[in-house]
Amino acid sequence: MLQNLGSDALDHVKFQLALKRRKDIVTEPLCAVMLRFYSYYKQATVGSCEIPRPGFWDPIGRYKWDAWNRLGKMSKEEAMAAYISEMKKVAQKVQKGYGVT
């Protein structure tokens, strides 16, 4: 079934699977890892950060905004690929941690 999909469609399917997989394997994520996931997700689904930076009283919003804004003009396709790559890294760490090969 996946063989019949074009490259862009296949990347989109892989991205959707990575989104679901993250929820399964990342139980207690580090803030930095989750901020990378957040920034790649926003870039892949919305595009470049074009909203104003949240105010002083919203530190979580500021961290998220900073992570997303750092990606600059990265394309949606590059962001999807980066999300998938990050997921693979996390999955490998989890597999090693549980002794799965």
N, C-alpha and C. Protein backbone atom coordinates (compact mmCIF):
# COMPACT_ATOMS: atom_id res chain seq x y z
N MET A 1 0.81 -1.18 0.00
CA MET A 1 0.00 0.00 0.00
C MET A 1 0.86 1.26 0.00
N LEU A 2 1.87 1.34 0.87
CA LEU A 2 2.72 2.52 0.95
C LEU A 2 3.57 2.70 -0.30
N GLN A 3 3.82 1.60 -1.05
CA GLN A 3 4.64 1.69 -2.25
C GLN A 3 3.96 2.53 -3.32
N ASN A 4 2.64 2.62 -3.30
CA ASN A 4 1.89 3.35 -4.32
C ASN A 4 1.82 4.85 -4.03
N LEU A 5 2.26 5.27 -2.85
CA LEU A 5 2.21 6.68 -2.48
C LEU A 5 3.40 7.43 -3.07
N GLY A 6 3.18 8.69 -3.40
CA GLY A 6 4.28 9.54 -3.83
C GLY A 6 5.15 9.90 -2.65
N SER A 7 6.29 10.51 -2.94
CA SER A 7 7.25 10.86 -1.89
C SER A 7 6.64 11.79 -0.84
N ASP A 8 5.94 12.83 -1.28
CA ASP A 8 5.34 13.77 -0.33
C ASP A 8 4.27 13.09 0.52
N ALA A 9 3.45 12.26 -0.10
CA ALA A 9 2.39 11.56 0.64
C ALA A 9 3.01 10.58 1.63
N LEU A 10 4.08 9.91 1.23
CA LEU A 10 4.74 8.95 2.11
C LEU A 10 5.35 9.69 3.31
N ASP A 11 5.96 10.87 3.07
CA ASP A 11 6.51 11.66 4.16
C ASP A 11 5.41 12.08 5.12
N HIS A 12 4.27 12.44 4.58
CA HIS A 12 3.14 12.86 5.42
C HIS A 12 2.66 11.68 6.29
N VAL A 13 2.59 10.48 5.71
CA VAL A 13 2.18 9.30 6.46
C VAL A 13 3.20 9.00 7.56
N LYS A 14 4.48 9.07 7.23
CA LYS A 14 5.53 8.83 8.23
C LYS A 14 5.44 9.86 9.36
N PHE A 15 5.16 11.12 8.99
CA PHE A 15 5.03 12.18 9.99
C PHE A 15 3.86 11.88 10.93
N GLN A 16 2.73 11.47 10.38
CA GLN A 16 1.56 11.13 11.21
C GLN A 16 1.86 9.95 12.13
N LEU A 17 2.58 8.95 11.62
CA LEU A 17 2.96 7.80 12.45
C LEU A 17 3.91 8.22 13.56
N ALA A 18 4.85 9.14 13.25
CA ALA A 18 5.78 9.63 14.25
C ALA A 18 5.04 10.39 15.35
N LEU A 19 4.01 11.14 14.98
CA LEU A 19 3.21 11.86 15.98
C LEU A 19 2.58 10.88 16.96
N LYS A 20 1.99 9.80 16.42
CA LYS A 20 1.37 8.80 17.27
C LYS A 20 2.42 8.07 18.11
N ARG A 21 3.55 7.76 17.51
CA ARG A 21 4.61 7.02 18.20
C ARG A 21 5.16 7.82 19.38
N ARG A 22 5.30 9.13 19.20
CA ARG A 22 5.82 9.98 20.28
C ARG A 22 4.97 9.84 21.52
N LYS A 23 3.68 9.81 21.34
CA LYS A 23 2.77 9.70 22.48
C LYS A 23 2.93 8.36 23.19
N ASP A 24 3.35 7.33 22.45
CA ASP A 24 3.51 6.00 23.02
C ASP A 24 4.80 5.84 23.80
N ILE A 25 5.91 6.46 23.32
CA ILE A 25 7.21 6.13 23.91
C ILE A 25 7.81 7.22 24.78
N VAL A 26 7.37 8.45 24.65
CA VAL A 26 7.95 9.53 25.43
C VAL A 26 7.06 9.77 26.64
N THR A 27 7.39 9.12 27.74
CA THR A 27 6.54 9.24 28.92
C THR A 27 6.97 10.39 29.83
N GLU A 28 8.25 10.57 30.04
CA GLU A 28 8.73 11.67 30.87
C GLU A 28 9.82 12.40 30.09
N PRO A 29 9.41 13.23 29.15
CA PRO A 29 10.39 13.87 28.27
C PRO A 29 11.15 15.00 28.94
N LEU A 30 12.32 15.23 28.45
CA LEU A 30 13.07 16.40 28.85
C LEU A 30 12.45 17.61 28.17
N CYS A 31 12.50 18.73 28.83
CA CYS A 31 11.92 19.95 28.26
C CYS A 31 12.51 20.28 26.90
N ALA A 32 13.82 20.13 26.76
CA ALA A 32 14.47 20.46 25.49
C ALA A 32 13.98 19.57 24.36
N VAL A 33 13.80 18.29 24.65
CA VAL A 33 13.31 17.35 23.63
C VAL A 33 11.90 17.73 23.23
N MET A 34 11.06 17.99 24.20
CA MET A 34 9.67 18.35 23.89
C MET A 34 9.59 19.68 23.16
N LEU A 35 10.46 20.61 23.47
CA LEU A 35 10.46 21.87 22.73
C LEU A 35 10.86 21.66 21.28
N ARG A 36 11.80 20.75 21.03
CA ARG A 36 12.15 20.42 19.63
C ARG A 36 10.96 19.82 18.92
N PHE A 37 10.29 18.85 19.57
CA PHE A 37 9.10 18.27 18.96
C PHE A 37 8.05 19.36 18.68
N TYR A 38 7.83 20.22 19.65
CA TYR A 38 6.85 21.29 19.49
C TYR A 38 7.21 22.18 18.30
N SER A 39 8.47 22.60 18.25
CA SER A 39 8.87 23.53 17.18
C SER A 39 8.76 22.88 15.81
N TYR A 40 9.19 21.63 15.67
CA TYR A 40 9.07 20.93 14.38
C TYR A 40 7.60 20.73 14.02
N TYR A 41 6.76 20.39 15.00
CA TYR A 41 5.34 20.19 14.75
C TYR A 41 4.70 21.49 14.24
N LYS A 42 4.95 22.60 14.94
CA LYS A 42 4.37 23.87 14.54
C LYS A 42 4.86 24.28 13.14
N GLN A 43 6.14 24.09 12.89
CA GLN A 43 6.70 24.46 11.59
C GLN A 43 6.09 23.59 10.49
N ALA A 44 5.89 22.30 10.77
CA ALA A 44 5.35 21.37 9.78
C ALA A 44 3.86 21.61 9.53
N THR A 45 3.13 22.06 10.54
CA THR A 45 1.69 22.19 10.39
C THR A 45 1.22 23.62 10.12
N VAL A 46 1.99 24.60 10.60
CA VAL A 46 1.59 26.00 10.45
C VAL A 46 2.53 26.75 9.50
N GLY A 47 3.81 26.44 9.58
CA GLY A 47 4.83 27.18 8.82
C GLY A 47 5.65 28.02 9.78
N SER A 48 6.33 29.00 9.23
CA SER A 48 7.20 29.86 10.03
C SER A 48 6.40 30.60 11.10
N CYS A 49 7.08 30.88 12.20
CA CYS A 49 6.46 31.60 13.32
C CYS A 49 6.25 33.06 12.92
N GLU A 50 5.00 33.44 12.81
CA GLU A 50 4.66 34.81 12.40
C GLU A 50 3.82 35.51 13.47
N ILE A 51 3.75 34.95 14.66
CA ILE A 51 2.94 35.55 15.72
C ILE A 51 3.86 36.31 16.68
N PRO A 52 3.33 37.25 17.41
CA PRO A 52 4.16 37.98 18.38
C PRO A 52 4.60 37.08 19.54
N ARG A 53 5.75 37.39 20.08
CA ARG A 53 6.26 36.64 21.22
C ARG A 53 5.36 36.88 22.44
N PRO A 54 5.01 35.81 23.16
CA PRO A 54 4.18 35.98 24.37
C PRO A 54 4.87 36.89 25.39
N GLY A 55 4.07 37.45 26.24
CA GLY A 55 4.57 38.40 27.22
C GLY A 55 5.31 37.76 28.39
N PHE A 56 5.83 38.61 29.23
CA PHE A 56 6.64 38.22 30.38
C PHE A 56 5.92 37.22 31.29
N TRP A 57 4.63 37.35 31.45
CA TRP A 57 3.88 36.52 32.39
C TRP A 57 3.49 35.16 31.80
N ASP A 58 3.99 34.84 30.62
CA ASP A 58 3.72 33.55 29.98
C ASP A 58 5.06 32.88 29.63
N PRO A 59 5.81 32.44 30.65
CA PRO A 59 7.14 31.89 30.36
C PRO A 59 7.10 30.62 29.51
N ILE A 60 6.11 29.77 29.69
CA ILE A 60 6.02 28.55 28.88
C ILE A 60 5.76 28.93 27.42
N GLY A 61 4.85 29.86 27.22
CA GLY A 61 4.58 30.34 25.86
C GLY A 61 5.82 30.93 25.21
N ARG A 62 6.63 31.63 26.01
CA ARG A 62 7.87 32.23 25.48
C ARG A 62 8.87 31.16 25.09
N TYR A 63 9.02 30.11 25.92
CA TYR A 63 9.94 29.01 25.57
C TYR A 63 9.50 28.34 24.28
N LYS A 64 8.21 28.10 24.16
CA LYS A 64 7.68 27.45 22.96
C LYS A 64 7.86 28.34 21.73
N TRP A 65 7.57 29.62 21.90
CA TRP A 65 7.72 30.57 20.81
C TRP A 65 9.18 30.64 20.37
N ASP A 66 10.10 30.73 21.35
CA ASP A 66 11.53 30.80 21.03
C ASP A 66 11.99 29.58 20.24
N ALA A 67 11.55 28.40 20.66
CA ALA A 67 11.95 27.16 19.97
C ALA A 67 11.43 27.16 18.53
N TRP A 68 10.18 27.55 18.36
CA TRP A 68 9.58 27.57 17.02
C TRP A 68 10.23 28.66 16.16
N ASN A 69 10.41 29.83 16.72
CA ASN A 69 10.97 30.95 15.98
C ASN A 69 12.40 30.67 15.51
N ARG A 70 13.15 29.88 16.31
CA ARG A 70 14.53 29.53 15.95
C ARG A 70 14.62 28.78 14.61
N LEU A 71 13.54 28.14 14.21
CA LEU A 71 13.56 27.38 12.95
C LEU A 71 13.53 28.29 11.73
N GLY A 72 13.22 29.55 11.94
CA GLY A 72 13.26 30.51 10.85
C GLY A 72 12.34 30.13 9.70
N LYS A 73 12.89 30.09 8.51
CA LYS A 73 12.13 29.81 7.29
C LYS A 73 12.22 28.35 6.86
N MET A 74 12.52 27.45 7.80
CA MET A 74 12.58 26.01 7.47
C MET A 74 11.26 25.62 6.79
N SER A 75 11.34 24.84 5.73
CA SER A 75 10.13 24.43 5.03
C SER A 75 9.34 23.43 5.86
N LYS A 76 8.06 23.30 5.53
CA LYS A 76 7.21 22.33 6.22
C LYS A 76 7.75 20.92 6.03
N GLU A 77 8.24 20.63 4.83
CA GLU A 77 8.78 19.29 4.54
C GLU A 77 10.03 19.01 5.37
N GLU A 78 10.90 20.02 5.49
CA GLU A 78 12.11 19.85 6.31
C GLU A 78 11.73 19.64 7.78
N ALA A 79 10.72 20.36 8.23
CA ALA A 79 10.28 20.21 9.62
C ALA A 79 9.71 18.82 9.87
N MET A 80 8.94 18.30 8.92
CA MET A 80 8.42 16.93 9.05
C MET A 80 9.57 15.93 9.13
N ALA A 81 10.55 16.10 8.25
CA ALA A 81 11.71 15.20 8.25
C ALA A 81 12.48 15.31 9.56
N ALA A 82 12.63 16.53 10.08
CA ALA A 82 13.34 16.73 11.35
C ALA A 82 12.58 16.09 12.50
N TYR A 83 11.25 16.19 12.48
CA TYR A 83 10.41 15.58 13.52
C TYR A 83 10.61 14.07 13.49
N ILE A 84 10.57 13.49 12.30
CA ILE A 84 10.75 12.04 12.15
C ILE A 84 12.13 11.63 12.64
N SER A 85 13.15 12.39 12.26
CA SER A 85 14.52 12.09 12.68
C SER A 85 14.65 12.16 14.21
N GLU A 86 14.06 13.17 14.81
CA GLU A 86 14.10 13.32 16.27
C GLU A 86 13.40 12.14 16.94
N MET A 87 12.28 11.72 16.36
CA MET A 87 11.54 10.58 16.91
C MET A 87 12.38 9.32 16.85
N LYS A 88 13.10 9.14 15.74
CA LYS A 88 13.96 7.96 15.61
C LYS A 88 15.04 7.95 16.70
N LYS A 89 15.62 9.13 16.97
CA LYS A 89 16.64 9.23 18.02
C LYS A 89 16.07 8.84 19.38
N VAL A 90 14.89 9.38 19.68
CA VAL A 90 14.25 9.08 20.97
C VAL A 90 13.90 7.60 21.04
N ALA A 91 13.37 7.05 19.95
CA ALA A 91 13.00 5.63 19.94
C ALA A 91 14.22 4.75 20.17
N GLN A 92 15.35 5.12 19.56
CA GLN A 92 16.58 4.34 19.76
C GLN A 92 17.02 4.39 21.22
N LYS A 93 16.90 5.56 21.83
CA LYS A 93 17.27 5.69 23.25
C LYS A 93 16.36 4.83 24.11
N VAL A 94 15.08 4.84 23.80
CA VAL A 94 14.12 4.03 24.56
C VAL A 94 14.42 2.56 24.38
N GLN A 95 14.68 2.14 23.15
CA GLN A 95 14.99 0.74 22.88
C GLN A 95 16.23 0.31 23.63
N LYS A 96 17.26 1.13 23.64
CA LYS A 96 18.48 0.82 24.37
C LYS A 96 18.22 0.75 25.87
N GLY A 97 17.38 1.67 26.34
CA GLY A 97 17.06 1.72 27.76
C GLY A 97 16.31 0.48 28.24
N TYR A 98 15.49 -0.09 27.35
CA TYR A 98 14.73 -1.28 27.71
C TYR A 98 15.38 -2.56 27.22
N GLY A 99 16.57 -2.43 26.63
CA GLY A 99 17.29 -3.61 26.15
C GLY A 99 16.67 -4.24 24.91
N VAL A 100 15.93 -3.46 24.14
CA VAL A 100 15.32 -3.94 22.90
C VAL A 100 16.29 -3.72 21.77
N THR A 101 16.45 -4.73 20.94
CA THR A 101 17.35 -4.57 19.78
C THR A 101 16.63 -4.80 18.49
